[in-house]
C-alpha atoms as a PDB file:
ATOM      1  CA  UNK A   1     -66.967   7.541  19.156  1.00  0.00           C
ATOM      2  CA  UNK A   2     -63.702   8.231  17.421  1.00  0.00           C
ATOM      3  CA  UNK A   3     -64.247  12.006  17.597  1.00  0.00           C
ATOM      4  CA  UNK A   4     -64.935  11.899  21.346  1.00  0.00           C
ATOM      5  CA  UNK A   5     -61.701   9.986  21.889  1.00  0.00           C
ATOM      6  CA  UNK A   6     -59.777  12.672  19.983  1.00  0.00           C
ATOM      7  CA  UNK A   7     -61.444  15.452  21.988  1.00  0.00           C
ATOM      8  CA  UNK A   8     -60.687  13.627  25.227  1.00  0.00           C
ATOM      9  CA  UNK A   9     -57.053  13.230  24.174  1.00  0.00           C
ATOM     10  CA  UNK A  10     -56.735  16.931  23.328  1.00  0.00           C
ATOM     11  CA  UNK A  11     -58.274  17.920  26.668  1.00  0.00           C
ATOM     12  CA  UNK A  12     -55.956  15.603  28.597  1.00  0.00           C
ATOM     13  CA  UNK A  13     -52.894  16.891  26.744  1.00  0.00           C
ATOM     14  CA  UNK A  14     -53.720  20.575  27.167  1.00  0.00           C
ATOM     15  CA  UNK A  15     -54.973  20.387  30.781  1.00  0.00           C
ATOM     16  CA  UNK A  16     -51.475  20.453  32.350  1.00  0.00           C
ATOM     17  CA  UNK A  17     -50.509  23.486  30.246  1.00  0.00           C
ATOM     18  CA  UNK A  18     -53.651  25.418  31.219  1.00  0.00           C
ATOM     19  CA  UNK A  19     -53.352  24.356  34.875  1.00  0.00           C
ATOM     20  CA  UNK A  20     -49.673  25.380  34.939  1.00  0.00           C
ATOM     21  CA  UNK A  21     -50.522  28.808  33.572  1.00  0.00           C
ATOM     22  CA  UNK A  22     -53.259  29.266  36.157  1.00  0.00           C
ATOM     23  CA  UNK A  23     -50.992  28.177  39.016  1.00  0.00           C
ATOM     24  CA  UNK A  24     -48.002  30.329  37.937  1.00  0.00           C
ATOM     25  CA  UNK A  25     -50.067  33.506  37.620  1.00  0.00           C
ATOM     26  CA  UNK A  26     -51.059  35.180  40.889  1.00  0.00           C
ATOM     27  CA  UNK A  27     -54.538  36.475  41.539  1.00  0.00           C
ATOM     28  CA  UNK A  28     -55.187  40.136  42.221  1.00  0.00           C
ATOM     29  CA  UNK A  29     -55.964  39.302  45.845  1.00  0.00           C
ATOM     30  CA  UNK A  30     -52.574  37.591  46.316  1.00  0.00           C
ATOM     31  CA  UNK A  31     -50.718  40.649  45.018  1.00  0.00           C
ATOM     32  CA  UNK A  32     -52.877  43.008  47.110  1.00  0.00           C
ATOM     33  CA  UNK A  33     -52.170  40.920  50.237  1.00  0.00           C
ATOM     34  CA  UNK A  34     -48.417  41.225  49.608  1.00  0.00           C
ATOM     35  CA  UNK A  35     -48.594  45.030  49.773  1.00  0.00           C
ATOM     36  CA  UNK A  36     -49.413  47.358  52.685  1.00  0.00           C
ATOM     37  CA  UNK A  37     -51.794  50.242  52.082  1.00  0.00           C
ATOM     38  CA  UNK A  38     -50.014  53.588  52.337  1.00  0.00           C
ATOM     39  CA  UNK A  39     -52.920  55.538  53.861  1.00  0.00           C
ATOM     40  CA  UNK A  40     -51.670  54.787  57.367  1.00  0.00           C
ATOM     41  CA  UNK A  41     -54.265  52.159  58.320  1.00  0.00           C
ATOM     42  CA  UNK A  42     -51.621  49.427  58.645  1.00  0.00           C
ATOM     43  CA  UNK A  43     -53.703  46.935  56.646  1.00  0.00           C
ATOM     44  CA  UNK A  44     -52.889  45.264  53.353  1.00  0.00           C
ATOM     45  CA  UNK A  45     -54.153  46.855  50.157  1.00  0.00           C
ATOM     46  CA  UNK A  46     -56.775  44.100  49.910  1.00  0.00           C
ATOM     47  CA  UNK A  47     -57.981  44.516  53.514  1.00  0.00           C
ATOM     48  CA  UNK A  48     -58.036  48.337  53.626  1.00  0.00           C
ATOM     49  CA  UNK A  49     -61.601  49.248  54.566  1.00  0.00           C
ATOM     50  CA  UNK A  50     -61.497  53.010  54.051  1.00  0.00           C
ATOM     51  CA  UNK A  51     -64.137  54.227  51.632  1.00  0.00           C
ATOM     52  CA  UNK A  52     -62.475  55.744  48.580  1.00  0.00           C
ATOM     53  CA  UNK A  53     -59.034  55.284  50.130  1.00  0.00           C
ATOM     54  CA  UNK A  54     -56.623  57.746  48.483  1.00  0.00           C
ATOM     55  CA  UNK A  55     -53.900  55.103  48.501  1.00  0.00           C
ATOM     56  CA  UNK A  56     -55.578  51.692  48.336  1.00  0.00           C
ATOM     57  CA  UNK A  57     -57.991  52.315  45.472  1.00  0.00           C
ATOM     58  CA  UNK A  58     -55.329  53.561  42.999  1.00  0.00           C
ATOM     59  CA  UNK A  59     -53.043  50.694  44.026  1.00  0.00           C
ATOM     60  CA  UNK A  60     -55.831  48.138  43.391  1.00  0.00           C
ATOM     61  CA  UNK A  61     -56.502  49.692  40.001  1.00  0.00           C
ATOM     62  CA  UNK A  62     -52.810  49.627  39.059  1.00  0.00           C
ATOM     63  CA  UNK A  63     -52.463  46.010  40.177  1.00  0.00           C
ATOM     64  CA  UNK A  64     -55.444  45.018  38.025  1.00  0.00           C
ATOM     65  CA  UNK A  65     -53.991  46.859  35.004  1.00  0.00           C
ATOM     66  CA  UNK A  66     -50.561  45.279  35.430  1.00  0.00           C
ATOM     67  CA  UNK A  67     -52.063  41.788  35.791  1.00  0.00           C
ATOM     68  CA  UNK A  68     -54.111  42.389  32.633  1.00  0.00           C
ATOM     69  CA  UNK A  69     -50.870  43.280  30.808  1.00  0.00           C
ATOM     70  CA  UNK A  70     -49.457  39.930  31.918  1.00  0.00           C
ATOM     71  CA  UNK A  71     -46.925  41.064  34.519  1.00  0.00           C
ATOM     72  CA  UNK A  72     -46.007  38.571  37.218  1.00  0.00           C
ATOM     73  CA  UNK A  73     -46.707  39.101  40.895  1.00  0.00           C
ATOM     74  CA  UNK A  74     -43.008  39.565  41.637  1.00  0.00           C
ATOM     75  CA  UNK A  75     -42.720  42.257  38.975  1.00  0.00           C
ATOM     76  CA  UNK A  76     -45.723  44.132  40.349  1.00  0.00           C
ATOM     77  CA  UNK A  77     -44.516  43.920  43.954  1.00  0.00           C
ATOM     78  CA  UNK A  78     -41.041  44.974  42.776  1.00  0.00           C
ATOM     79  CA  UNK A  79     -42.477  48.061  41.059  1.00  0.00           C
ATOM     80  CA  UNK A  80     -44.339  49.121  44.198  1.00  0.00           C
ATOM     81  CA  UNK A  81     -41.252  48.406  46.297  1.00  0.00           C
ATOM     82  CA  UNK A  82     -39.162  50.627  44.016  1.00  0.00           C
ATOM     83  CA  UNK A  83     -41.736  53.410  44.369  1.00  0.00           C
ATOM     84  CA  UNK A  84     -42.495  53.224  48.116  1.00  0.00           C
ATOM     85  CA  UNK A  85     -39.531  51.312  49.574  1.00  0.00           C
ATOM     86  CA  UNK A  86     -39.545  48.338  51.964  1.00  0.00           C
ATOM     87  CA  UNK A  87     -42.444  49.753  53.977  1.00  0.00           C
ATOM     88  CA  UNK A  88     -44.906  48.762  51.243  1.00  0.00           C
ATOM     89  CA  UNK A  89     -44.253  45.040  51.795  1.00  0.00           C
ATOM     90  CA  UNK A  90     -46.746  43.339  54.106  1.00  0.00           C
ATOM     91  CA  UNK A  91     -44.066  40.976  55.417  1.00  0.00           C
ATOM     92  CA  UNK A  92     -40.317  41.558  55.744  1.00  0.00           C
ATOM     93  CA  UNK A  93     -37.893  39.899  53.366  1.00  0.00           C
ATOM     94  CA  UNK A  94     -35.277  37.399  54.516  1.00  0.00           C
ATOM     95  CA  UNK A  95     -32.378  39.592  53.380  1.00  0.00           C
ATOM     96  CA  UNK A  96     -30.147  41.893  55.384  1.00  0.00           C
ATOM     97  CA  UNK A  97     -31.278  43.082  58.786  1.00  0.00           C
ATOM     98  CA  UNK A  98     -34.880  41.955  58.159  1.00  0.00           C
ATOM     99  CA  UNK A  99     -34.106  38.368  59.150  1.00  0.00           C
ATOM    100  CA  UNK A 100     -34.171  39.652  62.722  1.00  0.00           C
ATOM    101  CA  UNK A 101     -37.896  40.401  62.353  1.00  0.00           C
ATOM    102  CA  UNK A 102     -38.478  36.718  61.590  1.00  0.00           C
ATOM    103  CA  UNK A 103     -36.178  35.317  64.302  1.00  0.00           C
ATOM    104  CA  UNK A 104     -37.001  37.613  67.260  1.00  0.00           C
ATOM    105  CA  UNK A 105     -40.496  36.279  68.106  1.00  0.00           C
ATOM    106  CA  UNK A 106     -39.293  32.685  68.154  1.00  0.00           C
ATOM    107  CA  UNK A 107     -36.231  33.587  70.215  1.00  0.00           C
ATOM    108  CA  UNK A 108     -38.413  35.481  72.716  1.00  0.00           C
ATOM    109  CA  UNK A 109     -40.764  32.512  73.134  1.00  0.00           C
ATOM    110  CA  UNK A 110     -37.804  30.159  73.566  1.00  0.00           C
ATOM    111  CA  UNK A 111     -36.133  32.432  76.130  1.00  0.00           C
ATOM    112  CA  UNK A 112     -39.416  32.780  78.033  1.00  0.00           C
ATOM    113  CA  UNK A 113     -39.851  28.995  78.100  1.00  0.00           C
ATOM    114  CA  UNK A 114     -36.328  28.493  79.420  1.00  0.00           C
ATOM    115  CA  UNK A 115     -36.887  31.184  82.076  1.00  0.00           C
ATOM    116  CA  UNK A 116     -40.176  29.660  83.246  1.00  0.00           C
ATOM    117  CA  UNK A 117     -38.571  26.211  83.388  1.00  0.00           C
ATOM    118  CA  UNK A 118     -35.703  27.488  85.533  1.00  0.00           C
ATOM    119  CA  UNK A 119     -38.067  29.312  87.917  1.00  0.00           C
ATOM    120  CA  UNK A 120     -40.297  26.261  88.317  1.00  0.00           C
ATOM    121  CA  UNK A 121     -37.288  24.042  88.985  1.00  0.00           C
ATOM    122  CA  UNK A 122     -36.071  26.502  91.633  1.00  0.00           C
ATOM    123  CA  UNK A 123     -39.474  26.557  93.344  1.00  0.00           C
ATOM    124  CA  UNK A 124     -39.840  22.781  93.398  1.00  0.00           C
ATOM    125  CA  UNK A 125     -36.419  21.941  94.808  1.00  0.00           C
ATOM    126  CA  UNK A 126     -36.704  19.841  97.978  1.00  0.00           C
ATOM    127  CA  UNK A 127     -35.611  21.301 101.265  1.00  0.00           C
ATOM    128  CA  UNK A 128     -33.005  19.167 103.021  1.00  0.00           C
ATOM    129  CA  UNK A 129     -34.550  17.148 105.885  1.00  0.00           C
ATOM    130  CA  UNK A 130     -33.876  18.428 109.413  1.00  0.00           C
ATOM    131  CA  UNK A 131     -31.054  16.739 111.287  1.00  0.00           C
ATOM    132  CA  UNK A 132     -32.270  14.066 113.735  1.00  0.00           C
ATOM    133  CA  UNK A 133     -29.773  15.050 116.484  1.00  0.00           C
ATOM    134  CA  UNK A 134     -30.409  18.344 118.251  1.00  0.00           C
ATOM    135  CA  UNK A 135     -27.350  20.548 118.311  1.00  0.00           C
ATOM    136  CA  UNK A 136     -25.175  20.648 121.433  1.00  0.00           C
ATOM    137  CA  UNK A 137     -26.397  24.150 122.285  1.00  0.00           C
ATOM    138  CA  UNK A 138     -29.904  22.753 122.777  1.00  0.00           C
ATOM    139  CA  UNK A 139     -28.607  20.233 125.363  1.00  0.00           C
ATOM    140  CA  UNK A 140     -26.908  23.024 127.282  1.00  0.00           C
ATOM    141  CA  UNK A 141     -30.091  25.116 127.264  1.00  0.00           C
ATOM    142  CA  UNK A 142     -32.174  22.168 128.486  1.00  0.00           C
ATOM    143  CA  UNK A 143     -29.804  21.571 131.429  1.00  0.00           C
ATOM    144  CA  UNK A 144     -29.865  25.265 132.339  1.00  0.00           C
ATOM    145  CA  UNK A 145     -33.684  25.316 132.159  1.00  0.00           C
ATOM    146  CA  UNK A 146     -33.931  22.230 134.378  1.00  0.00           C
ATOM    147  CA  UNK A 147     -31.523  23.769 136.912  1.00  0.00           C
ATOM    148  CA  UNK A 148     -33.412  27.094 137.064  1.00  0.00           C
ATOM    149  CA  UNK A 149     -36.764  25.315 137.420  1.00  0.00           C
ATOM    150  CA  UNK A 150     -35.324  23.256 140.273  1.00  0.00           C
ATOM    151  CA  UNK A 151     -34.146  26.466 142.012  1.00  0.00           C
ATOM    152  CA  UNK A 152     -37.618  27.976 141.619  1.00  0.00           C
ATOM    153  CA  UNK A 153     -39.190  24.918 143.221  1.00  0.00           C
ATOM    154  CA  UNK A 154     -36.810  25.195 146.205  1.00  0.00           C
ATOM    155  CA  UNK A 155     -37.591  28.866 146.685  1.00  0.00           C
ATOM    156  CA  UNK A 156     -41.303  28.402 146.563  1.00  0.00           C
END
């Protein structure tokens, strides 16, 4: 019983260290998803479905080798970025002009919502009610019509 308590204590003390190492180290899939395949398919390295892809397969192999050497995900992505440039990243960074790629879709949706709201408000505005009094020109026309009808009755 004493030995099992010691083993349990060792497991409980080392579990956070092992879990922290597993959490801090990225999987191969995570690194592959961070990079775009350079064969022109537009997919990530992990999702590239070309058989024997001339770009994706060597990149997958290099990622696996670098992870086996203990390199971090940021180091691996940084190495590919240095080799291929910004185009190898599957999502733009938040630095420099790239922030516009993150902001533009949200701004477009917001502007569209404001535009639709303004159009709907314009369409649903109430029309002012007609005036209850006919204008003076209508009275003049009615008198003229009555006079001409009376003349027609006399002539007939």
